[in-house]
Amino acid sequence: MLYRLFSAANSATSLEELLDLTFTESERAKIIERWRIYDACDRGLSQREIAKEVPCSIVTATRGAKNFRENKETIRRFLIAFRAEEL
């Protein structure tokens, strides 16, 4: 169901509209925060360093780091797109 919904967005503008309708600004910020944590984990930063760089709480950095460790290969597939967008 969600795949079909998000696949219906056939352009960056369309996806932005869908995201605006689906998530609050705060929810979108949390998603970006999580991917910034994954990126920092992949670069080998400690949880304290992540908390300073992102910025977020150490608890949030710890949760993100745990998820990164458990799903490293899958996350790395998507990090390529995240990093391209961050440039």
PDB file of N, CA and C in Angstrom:
ATOM      1  N   MET A   1       0.821  -1.195   0.000  1.00  0.00           N
ATOM      2  CA  MET A   1       0.000   0.000   0.000  1.00  0.00           C
ATOM      3  C   MET A   1       0.868   1.263   0.000  1.00  0.00           C
ATOM      4  N   LEU A   2       1.798   1.376   0.946  1.00  0.00           N
ATOM      5  CA  LEU A   2       2.644   2.573   0.984  1.00  0.00           C
ATOM      6  C   LEU A   2       3.546   2.662  -0.237  1.00  0.00           C
ATOM      7  N   TYR A   3       4.013   1.517  -0.705  1.00  0.00           N
ATOM      8  CA  TYR A   3       4.845   1.522  -1.910  1.00  0.00           C
ATOM      9  C   TYR A   3       4.077   2.150  -3.070  1.00  0.00           C
ATOM     10  N   ARG A   4       2.836   1.715  -3.269  1.00  0.00           N
ATOM     11  CA  ARG A   4       2.021   2.269  -4.362  1.00  0.00           C
ATOM     12  C   ARG A   4       1.787   3.756  -4.163  1.00  0.00           C
ATOM     13  N   LEU A   5       1.507   4.144  -2.932  1.00  0.00           N
ATOM     14  CA  LEU A   5       1.259   5.554  -2.652  1.00  0.00           C
ATOM     15  C   LEU A   5       2.474   6.404  -3.006  1.00  0.00           C
ATOM     16  N   PHE A   6       3.638   6.012  -2.503  1.00  0.00           N
ATOM     17  CA  PHE A   6       4.833   6.812  -2.740  1.00  0.00           C
ATOM     18  C   PHE A   6       5.340   6.668  -4.175  1.00  0.00           C
ATOM     19  N   SER A   7       5.067   5.556  -4.804  1.00  0.00           N
ATOM     20  CA  SER A   7       5.446   5.381  -6.213  1.00  0.00           C
ATOM     21  C   SER A   7       4.620   6.286  -7.123  1.00  0.00           C
ATOM     22  N   ALA A   8       3.463   6.694  -6.675  1.00  0.00           N
ATOM     23  CA  ALA A   8       2.612   7.569  -7.472  1.00  0.00           C
ATOM     24  C   ALA A   8       3.224   8.961  -7.628  1.00  0.00           C
ATOM     25  N   ALA A   9       4.160   9.295  -6.757  1.00  0.00           N
ATOM     26  CA  ALA A   9       4.869  10.574  -6.874  1.00  0.00           C
ATOM     27  C   ALA A   9       5.922  10.402  -7.962  1.00  0.00           C
ATOM     28  N   ASN A  10       5.665  10.983  -9.124  1.00  0.00           N
ATOM     29  CA  ASN A  10       6.533  10.755 -10.278  1.00  0.00           C
ATOM     30  C   ASN A  10       7.544  11.874 -10.524  1.00  0.00           C
ATOM     31  N   SER A  11       7.690  12.752  -9.561  1.00  0.00           N
ATOM     32  CA  SER A  11       8.696  13.814  -9.659  1.00  0.00           C
ATOM     33  C   SER A  11       9.064  14.254  -8.245  1.00  0.00           C
ATOM     34  N   ALA A  12      10.145  14.980  -8.128  1.00  0.00           N
ATOM     35  CA  ALA A  12      10.556  15.492  -6.819  1.00  0.00           C
ATOM     36  C   ALA A  12       9.495  16.426  -6.247  1.00  0.00           C
ATOM     37  N   THR A  13       8.902  17.234  -7.091  1.00  0.00           N
ATOM     38  CA  THR A  13       7.852  18.155  -6.643  1.00  0.00           C
ATOM     39  C   THR A  13       6.642  17.393  -6.128  1.00  0.00           C
ATOM     40  N   SER A  14       6.254  16.365  -6.853  1.00  0.00           N
ATOM     41  CA  SER A  14       5.118  15.546  -6.454  1.00  0.00           C
ATOM     42  C   SER A  14       5.397  14.832  -5.127  1.00  0.00           C
ATOM     43  N   LEU A  15       6.603  14.328  -4.969  1.00  0.00           N
ATOM     44  CA  LEU A  15       6.964  13.668  -3.711  1.00  0.00           C
ATOM     45  C   LEU A  15       6.942  14.658  -2.549  1.00  0.00           C
ATOM     46  N   GLU A  16       7.439  15.864  -2.771  1.00  0.00           N
ATOM     47  CA  GLU A  16       7.406  16.889  -1.723  1.00  0.00           C
ATOM     48  C   GLU A  16       5.968  17.194  -1.311  1.00  0.00           C
ATOM     49  N   GLU A  17       5.072  17.279  -2.282  1.00  0.00           N
ATOM     50  CA  GLU A  17       3.657  17.512  -1.974  1.00  0.00           C
ATOM     51  C   GLU A  17       3.096  16.371  -1.130  1.00  0.00           C
ATOM     52  N   LEU A  18       3.400  15.142  -1.524  1.00  0.00           N
ATOM     53  CA  LEU A  18       2.923  13.973  -0.787  1.00  0.00           C
ATOM     54  C   LEU A  18       3.478  13.953   0.634  1.00  0.00           C
ATOM     55  N   LEU A  19       4.762  14.247   0.771  1.00  0.00           N
ATOM     56  CA  LEU A  19       5.370  14.278   2.106  1.00  0.00           C
ATOM     57  C   LEU A  19       4.747  15.371   2.970  1.00  0.00           C
ATOM     58  N   ASP A  20       4.477  16.531   2.369  1.00  0.00           N
ATOM     59  CA  ASP A  20       3.826  17.622   3.113  1.00  0.00           C
ATOM     60  C   ASP A  20       2.441  17.215   3.601  1.00  0.00           C
ATOM     61  N   LEU A  21       1.726  16.442   2.797  1.00  0.00           N
ATOM     62  CA  LEU A  21       0.394  15.988   3.182  1.00  0.00           C
ATOM     63  C   LEU A  21       0.441  14.875   4.235  1.00  0.00           C
ATOM     64  N   THR A  22       1.514  14.101   4.220  1.00  0.00           N
ATOM     65  CA  THR A  22       1.598  12.905   5.051  1.00  0.00           C
ATOM     66  C   THR A  22       2.241  13.165   6.405  1.00  0.00           C
ATOM     67  N   PHE A  23       3.288  13.987   6.428  1.00  0.00           N
ATOM     68  CA  PHE A  23       4.061  14.199   7.653  1.00  0.00           C
ATOM     69  C   PHE A  23       4.024  15.661   8.077  1.00  0.00           C
ATOM     70  N   THR A  24       4.055  15.869   9.381  1.00  0.00           N
ATOM     71  CA  THR A  24       4.194  17.234   9.888  1.00  0.00           C
ATOM     72  C   THR A  24       5.638  17.674   9.671  1.00  0.00           C
ATOM     73  N   GLU A  25       5.886  18.953   9.803  1.00  0.00           N
ATOM     74  CA  GLU A  25       7.246  19.479   9.676  1.00  0.00           C
ATOM     75  C   GLU A  25       8.174  18.817  10.700  1.00  0.00           C
ATOM     76  N   SER A  26       7.672  18.610  11.901  1.00  0.00           N
ATOM     77  CA  SER A  26       8.451  17.960  12.958  1.00  0.00           C
ATOM     78  C   SER A  26       8.788  16.513  12.599  1.00  0.00           C
ATOM     79  N   GLU A  27       7.820  15.793  12.044  1.00  0.00           N
ATOM     80  CA  GLU A  27       8.063  14.399  11.645  1.00  0.00           C
ATOM     81  C   GLU A  27       9.098  14.316  10.528  1.00  0.00           C
ATOM     82  N   ARG A  28       9.008  15.232   9.584  1.00  0.00           N
ATOM     83  CA  ARG A  28       9.989  15.257   8.498  1.00  0.00           C
ATOM     84  C   ARG A  28      11.378  15.576   9.033  1.00  0.00           C
ATOM     85  N   ALA A  29      11.454  16.480   9.995  1.00  0.00           N
ATOM     86  CA  ALA A  29      12.747  16.822  10.606  1.00  0.00           C
ATOM     87  C   ALA A  29      13.346  15.611  11.316  1.00  0.00           C
ATOM     88  N   LYS A  30      12.506  14.818  11.975  1.00  0.00           N
ATOM     89  CA  LYS A  30      12.978  13.609  12.663  1.00  0.00           C
ATOM     90  C   LYS A  30      13.515  12.575  11.671  1.00  0.00           C
ATOM     91  N   ILE A  31      12.873  12.462  10.516  1.00  0.00           N
ATOM     92  CA  ILE A  31      13.347  11.532   9.493  1.00  0.00           C
ATOM     93  C   ILE A  31      14.731  11.964   9.003  1.00  0.00           C
ATOM     94  N   ILE A  32      14.887  13.240   8.725  1.00  0.00           N
ATOM     95  CA  ILE A  32      16.184  13.757   8.271  1.00  0.00           C
ATOM     96  C   ILE A  32      17.235  13.577   9.362  1.00  0.00           C
ATOM     97  N   GLU A  33      16.835  13.846  10.609  1.00  0.00           N
ATOM     98  CA  GLU A  33      17.750  13.647  11.736  1.00  0.00           C
ATOM     99  C   GLU A  33      18.244  12.197  11.787  1.00  0.00           C
ATOM    100  N   ARG A  34      17.341  11.243  11.614  1.00  0.00           N
ATOM    101  CA  ARG A  34      17.716   9.829  11.658  1.00  0.00           C
ATOM    102  C   ARG A  34      18.730   9.502  10.568  1.00  0.00           C
ATOM    103  N   TRP A  35      18.520  10.029   9.366  1.00  0.00           N
ATOM    104  CA  TRP A  35      19.457   9.750   8.285  1.00  0.00           C
ATOM    105  C   TRP A  35      20.791  10.451   8.484  1.00  0.00           C
ATOM    106  N   ARG A  36      20.799  11.593   9.119  1.00  0.00           N
ATOM    107  CA  ARG A  36      22.068  12.248   9.468  1.00  0.00           C
ATOM    108  C   ARG A  36      22.821  11.411  10.498  1.00  0.00           C
ATOM    109  N   ILE A  37      22.097  10.781  11.418  1.00  0.00           N
ATOM    110  CA  ILE A  37      22.713   9.883  12.402  1.00  0.00           C
ATOM    111  C   ILE A  37      23.315   8.680  11.683  1.00  0.00           C
ATOM    112  N   TYR A  38      22.571   8.079  10.774  1.00  0.00           N
ATOM    113  CA  TYR A  38      23.094   6.941  10.007  1.00  0.00           C
ATOM    114  C   TYR A  38      24.373   7.329   9.261  1.00  0.00           C
ATOM    115  N   ASP A  39      24.352   8.499   8.641  1.00  0.00           N
ATOM    116  CA  ASP A  39      25.524   8.967   7.901  1.00  0.00           C
ATOM    117  C   ASP A  39      26.729   9.103   8.836  1.00  0.00           C
ATOM    118  N   ALA A  40      26.511   9.680   9.998  1.00  0.00           N
ATOM    119  CA  ALA A  40      27.594   9.850  10.970  1.00  0.00           C
ATOM    120  C   ALA A  40      28.102   8.502  11.471  1.00  0.00           C
ATOM    121  N   CYS A  41      27.190   7.567  11.693  1.00  0.00           N
ATOM    122  CA  CYS A  41      27.592   6.213  12.104  1.00  0.00           C
ATOM    123  C   CYS A  41      28.457   5.569  11.030  1.00  0.00           C
ATOM    124  N   ASP A  42      28.050   5.721   9.794  1.00  0.00           N
ATOM    125  CA  ASP A  42      28.787   5.124   8.691  1.00  0.00           C
ATOM    126  C   ASP A  42      30.190   5.728   8.569  1.00  0.00           C
ATOM    127  N   ARG A  43      30.330   6.984   8.965  1.00  0.00           N
ATOM    128  CA  ARG A  43      31.637   7.637   8.947  1.00  0.00           C
ATOM    129  C   ARG A  43      32.467   7.311  10.187  1.00  0.00           C
ATOM    130  N   GLY A  44      31.893   6.507  11.109  1.00  0.00           N
ATOM    131  CA  GLY A  44      32.639   6.042  12.267  1.00  0.00           C
ATOM    132  C   GLY A  44      32.640   6.960  13.471  1.00  0.00           C
ATOM    133  N   LEU A  45      31.740   7.930  13.522  1.00  0.00           N
ATOM    134  CA  LEU A  45      31.686   8.830  14.668  1.00  0.00           C
ATOM    135  C   LEU A  45      31.138   8.114  15.892  1.00  0.00           C
ATOM    136  N   SER A  46      31.593   8.524  17.051  1.00  0.00           N
ATOM    137  CA  SER A  46      31.062   7.986  18.307  1.00  0.00           C
ATOM    138  C   SER A  46      29.683   8.596  18.553  1.00  0.00           C
ATOM    139  N   GLN A  47      28.943   8.023  19.474  1.00  0.00           N
ATOM    140  CA  GLN A  47      27.606   8.540  19.773  1.00  0.00           C
ATOM    141  C   GLN A  47      27.668   9.957  20.328  1.00  0.00           C
ATOM    142  N   ARG A  48      28.681  10.255  21.118  1.00  0.00           N
ATOM    143  CA  ARG A  48      28.837  11.632  21.619  1.00  0.00           C
ATOM    144  C   ARG A  48      29.135  12.600  20.477  1.00  0.00           C
ATOM    145  N   GLU A  49      29.979  12.184  19.545  1.00  0.00           N
ATOM    146  CA  GLU A  49      30.290  13.028  18.391  1.00  0.00           C
ATOM    147  C   GLU A  49      29.054  13.227  17.524  1.00  0.00           C
ATOM    148  N   ILE A  50      28.276  12.162  17.362  1.00  0.00           N
ATOM    149  CA  ILE A  50      27.033  12.253  16.584  1.00  0.00           C
ATOM    150  C   ILE A  50      26.081  13.254  17.223  1.00  0.00           C
ATOM    151  N   ALA A  51      25.920  13.153  18.543  1.00  0.00           N
ATOM    152  CA  ALA A  51      25.001  14.047  19.258  1.00  0.00           C
ATOM    153  C   ALA A  51      25.392  15.513  19.063  1.00  0.00           C
ATOM    154  N   LYS A  52      26.675  15.787  18.987  1.00  0.00           N
ATOM    155  CA  LYS A  52      27.135  17.163  18.763  1.00  0.00           C
ATOM    156  C   LYS A  52      26.941  17.594  17.314  1.00  0.00           C
ATOM    157  N   GLU A  53      27.261  16.705  16.382  1.00  0.00           N
ATOM    158  CA  GLU A  53      27.208  17.062  14.964  1.00  0.00           C
ATOM    159  C   GLU A  53      25.788  17.209  14.437  1.00  0.00           C
ATOM    160  N   VAL A  54      24.864  16.360  14.866  1.00  0.00           N
ATOM    161  CA  VAL A  54      23.547  16.300  14.221  1.00  0.00           C
ATOM    162  C   VAL A  54      22.698  17.560  14.434  1.00  0.00           C
ATOM    163  N   PRO A  55      22.497  18.203  15.498  1.00  0.00           N
ATOM    164  CA  PRO A  55      22.608  17.877  16.914  1.00  0.00           C
ATOM    165  C   PRO A  55      21.359  17.139  17.401  1.00  0.00           C
ATOM    166  N   CYS A  56      21.591  16.257  18.372  1.00  0.00           N
ATOM    167  CA  CYS A  56      20.498  15.496  18.970  1.00  0.00           C
ATOM    168  C   CYS A  56      20.955  15.031  20.347  1.00  0.00           C
ATOM    169  N   SER A  57      20.056  14.413  21.081  1.00  0.00           N
ATOM    170  CA  SER A  57      20.426  13.888  22.394  1.00  0.00           C
ATOM    171  C   SER A  57      21.270  12.626  22.209  1.00  0.00           C
ATOM    172  N   ILE A  58      22.032  12.283  23.224  1.00  0.00           N
ATOM    173  CA  ILE A  58      22.823  11.053  23.178  1.00  0.00           C
ATOM    174  C   ILE A  58      21.888   9.847  23.079  1.00  0.00           C
ATOM    175  N   VAL A  59      20.740   9.908  23.732  1.00  0.00           N
ATOM    176  CA  VAL A  59      19.763   8.812  23.652  1.00  0.00           C
ATOM    177  C   VAL A  59      19.312   8.608  22.200  1.00  0.00           C
ATOM    178  N   THR A  60      19.027   9.687  21.498  1.00  0.00           N
ATOM    179  CA  THR A  60      18.615   9.597  20.098  1.00  0.00           C
ATOM    180  C   THR A  60      19.749   9.046  19.243  1.00  0.00           C
ATOM    181  N   ALA A  61      20.968   9.519  19.491  1.00  0.00           N
ATOM    182  CA  ALA A  61      22.138   9.013  18.762  1.00  0.00           C
ATOM    183  C   ALA A  61      22.335   7.526  19.028  1.00  0.00           C
ATOM    184  N   THR A  62      22.125   7.098  20.268  1.00  0.00           N
ATOM    185  CA  THR A  62      22.285   5.691  20.638  1.00  0.00           C
ATOM    186  C   THR A  62      21.258   4.823  19.927  1.00  0.00           C
ATOM    187  N   ARG A  63      19.999   5.266  19.903  1.00  0.00           N
ATOM    188  CA  ARG A  63      18.949   4.515  19.199  1.00  0.00           C
ATOM    189  C   ARG A  63      19.264   4.399  17.712  1.00  0.00           C
ATOM    190  N   GLY A  64      19.693   5.499  17.129  1.00  0.00           N
ATOM    191  CA  GLY A  64      20.033   5.489  15.710  1.00  0.00           C
ATOM    192  C   GLY A  64      21.224   4.592  15.424  1.00  0.00           C
ATOM    193  N   ALA A  65      22.230   4.629  16.296  1.00  0.00           N
ATOM    194  CA  ALA A  65      23.421   3.796  16.119  1.00  0.00           C
ATOM    195  C   ALA A  65      23.070   2.315  16.224  1.00  0.00           C
ATOM    196  N   LYS A  66      22.187   1.982  17.140  1.00  0.00           N
ATOM    197  CA  LYS A  66      21.760   0.591  17.296  1.00  0.00           C
ATOM    198  C   LYS A  66      21.050   0.122  16.031  1.00  0.00           C
ATOM    199  N   ASN A  67      20.150   0.937  15.525  1.00  0.00           N
ATOM    200  CA  ASN A  67      19.436   0.591  14.300  1.00  0.00           C
ATOM    201  C   ASN A  67      20.410   0.480  13.124  1.00  0.00           C
ATOM    202  N   PHE A  68      21.398   1.366  13.083  1.00  0.00           N
ATOM    203  CA  PHE A  68      22.401   1.307  12.026  1.00  0.00           C
ATOM    204  C   PHE A  68      23.160  -0.018  12.078  1.00  0.00           C
ATOM    205  N   ARG A  69      23.606  -0.406  13.267  1.00  0.00           N
ATOM    206  CA  ARG A  69      24.353  -1.668  13.413  1.00  0.00           C
ATOM    207  C   ARG A  69      23.517  -2.862  12.968  1.00  0.00           C
ATOM    208  N   GLU A  70      22.232  -2.845  13.287  1.00  0.00           N
ATOM    209  CA  GLU A  70      21.352  -3.973  12.963  1.00  0.00           C
ATOM    210  C   GLU A  70      20.956  -4.026  11.485  1.00  0.00           C
ATOM    211  N   ASN A  71      21.087  -2.913  10.781  1.00  0.00           N
ATOM    212  CA  ASN A  71      20.618  -2.826   9.383  1.00  0.00           C
ATOM    213  C   ASN A  71      21.641  -2.160   8.466  1.00  0.00           C
ATOM    214  N   LYS A  72      22.896  -2.300   8.796  1.00  0.00           N
ATOM    215  CA  LYS A  72      23.978  -1.561   8.133  1.00  0.00           C
ATOM    216  C   LYS A  72      23.957  -1.661   6.603  1.00  0.00           C
ATOM    217  N   GLU A  73      23.875  -2.848   6.070  1.00  0.00           N
ATOM    218  CA  GLU A  73      23.961  -3.003   4.615  1.00  0.00           C
ATOM    219  C   GLU A  73      22.770  -2.357   3.901  1.00  0.00           C
ATOM    220  N   THR A  74      21.593  -2.529   4.439  1.00  0.00           N
ATOM    221  CA  THR A  74      20.408  -1.914   3.827  1.00  0.00           C
ATOM    222  C   THR A  74      20.482  -0.399   3.915  1.00  0.00           C
ATOM    223  N   ILE A  75      20.858   0.121   5.070  1.00  0.00           N
ATOM    224  CA  ILE A  75      20.974   1.575   5.246  1.00  0.00           C
ATOM    225  C   ILE A  75      22.001   2.144   4.281  1.00  0.00           C
ATOM    226  N   ARG A  76      23.121   1.462   4.110  1.00  0.00           N
ATOM    227  CA  ARG A  76      24.170   1.951   3.205  1.00  0.00           C
ATOM    228  C   ARG A  76      23.671   2.071   1.770  1.00  0.00           C
ATOM    229  N   ARG A  77      22.760   1.212   1.345  1.00  0.00           N
ATOM    230  CA  ARG A  77      22.188   1.319  -0.008  1.00  0.00           C
ATOM    231  C   ARG A  77      21.480   2.656  -0.191  1.00  0.00           C
ATOM    232  N   PHE A  78      20.780   3.101   0.845  1.00  0.00           N
ATOM    233  CA  PHE A  78      20.018   4.344   0.754  1.00  0.00           C
ATOM    234  C   PHE A  78      20.847   5.574   1.105  1.00  0.00           C
ATOM    235  N   LEU A  79      21.947   5.394   1.813  1.00  0.00           N
ATOM    236  CA  LEU A  79      22.814   6.526   2.167  1.00  0.00           C
ATOM    237  C   LEU A  79      23.373   7.219   0.931  1.00  0.00           C
ATOM    238  N   ILE A  80      23.583   6.476  -0.127  1.00  0.00           N
ATOM    239  CA  ILE A  80      24.098   7.067  -1.362  1.00  0.00           C
ATOM    240  C   ILE A  80      23.162   8.189  -1.833  1.00  0.00           C
ATOM    241  N   ALA A  81      21.870   7.903  -1.836  1.00  0.00           N
ATOM    242  CA  ALA A  81      20.883   8.913  -2.260  1.00  0.00           C
ATOM    243  C   ALA A  81      20.799  10.043  -1.249  1.00  0.00           C
ATOM    244  N   PHE A  82      20.878   9.723   0.037  1.00  0.00           N
ATOM    245  CA  PHE A  82      20.806  10.755   1.075  1.00  0.00           C
ATOM    246  C   PHE A  82      21.979  11.717   0.941  1.00  0.00           C
ATOM    247  N   ARG A  83      23.169  11.169   0.757  1.00  0.00           N
ATOM    248  CA  ARG A  83      24.362  12.014   0.637  1.00  0.00           C
ATOM    249  C   ARG A  83      24.320  12.879  -0.607  1.00  0.00           C
ATOM    250  N   ALA A  84      23.795  12.361  -1.689  1.00  0.00           N
ATOM    251  CA  ALA A  84      23.675  13.150  -2.916  1.00  0.00           C
ATOM    252  C   ALA A  84      22.739  14.331  -2.703  1.00  0.00           C
ATOM    253  N   GLU A  85      21.692  14.128  -1.937  1.00  0.00           N
ATOM    254  CA  GLU A  85      20.726  15.195  -1.654  1.00  0.00           C
ATOM    255  C   GLU A  85      21.314  16.246  -0.719  1.00  0.00           C
ATOM    256  N   GLU A  86      22.169  15.830   0.190  1.00  0.00           N
ATOM    257  CA  GLU A  86      22.767  16.737   1.174  1.00  0.00           C
ATOM    258  C   GLU A  86      23.803  17.677   0.553  1.00  0.00           C
ATOM    259  N   LEU A  87      24.320  17.324  -0.621  1.00  0.00           N
ATOM    260  CA  LEU A  87      25.350  18.160  -1.263  1.00  0.00           C
ATOM    261  C   LEU A  87      24.778  19.455  -1.672  1.00  0.00           C
TER     262      LEU A  87
END
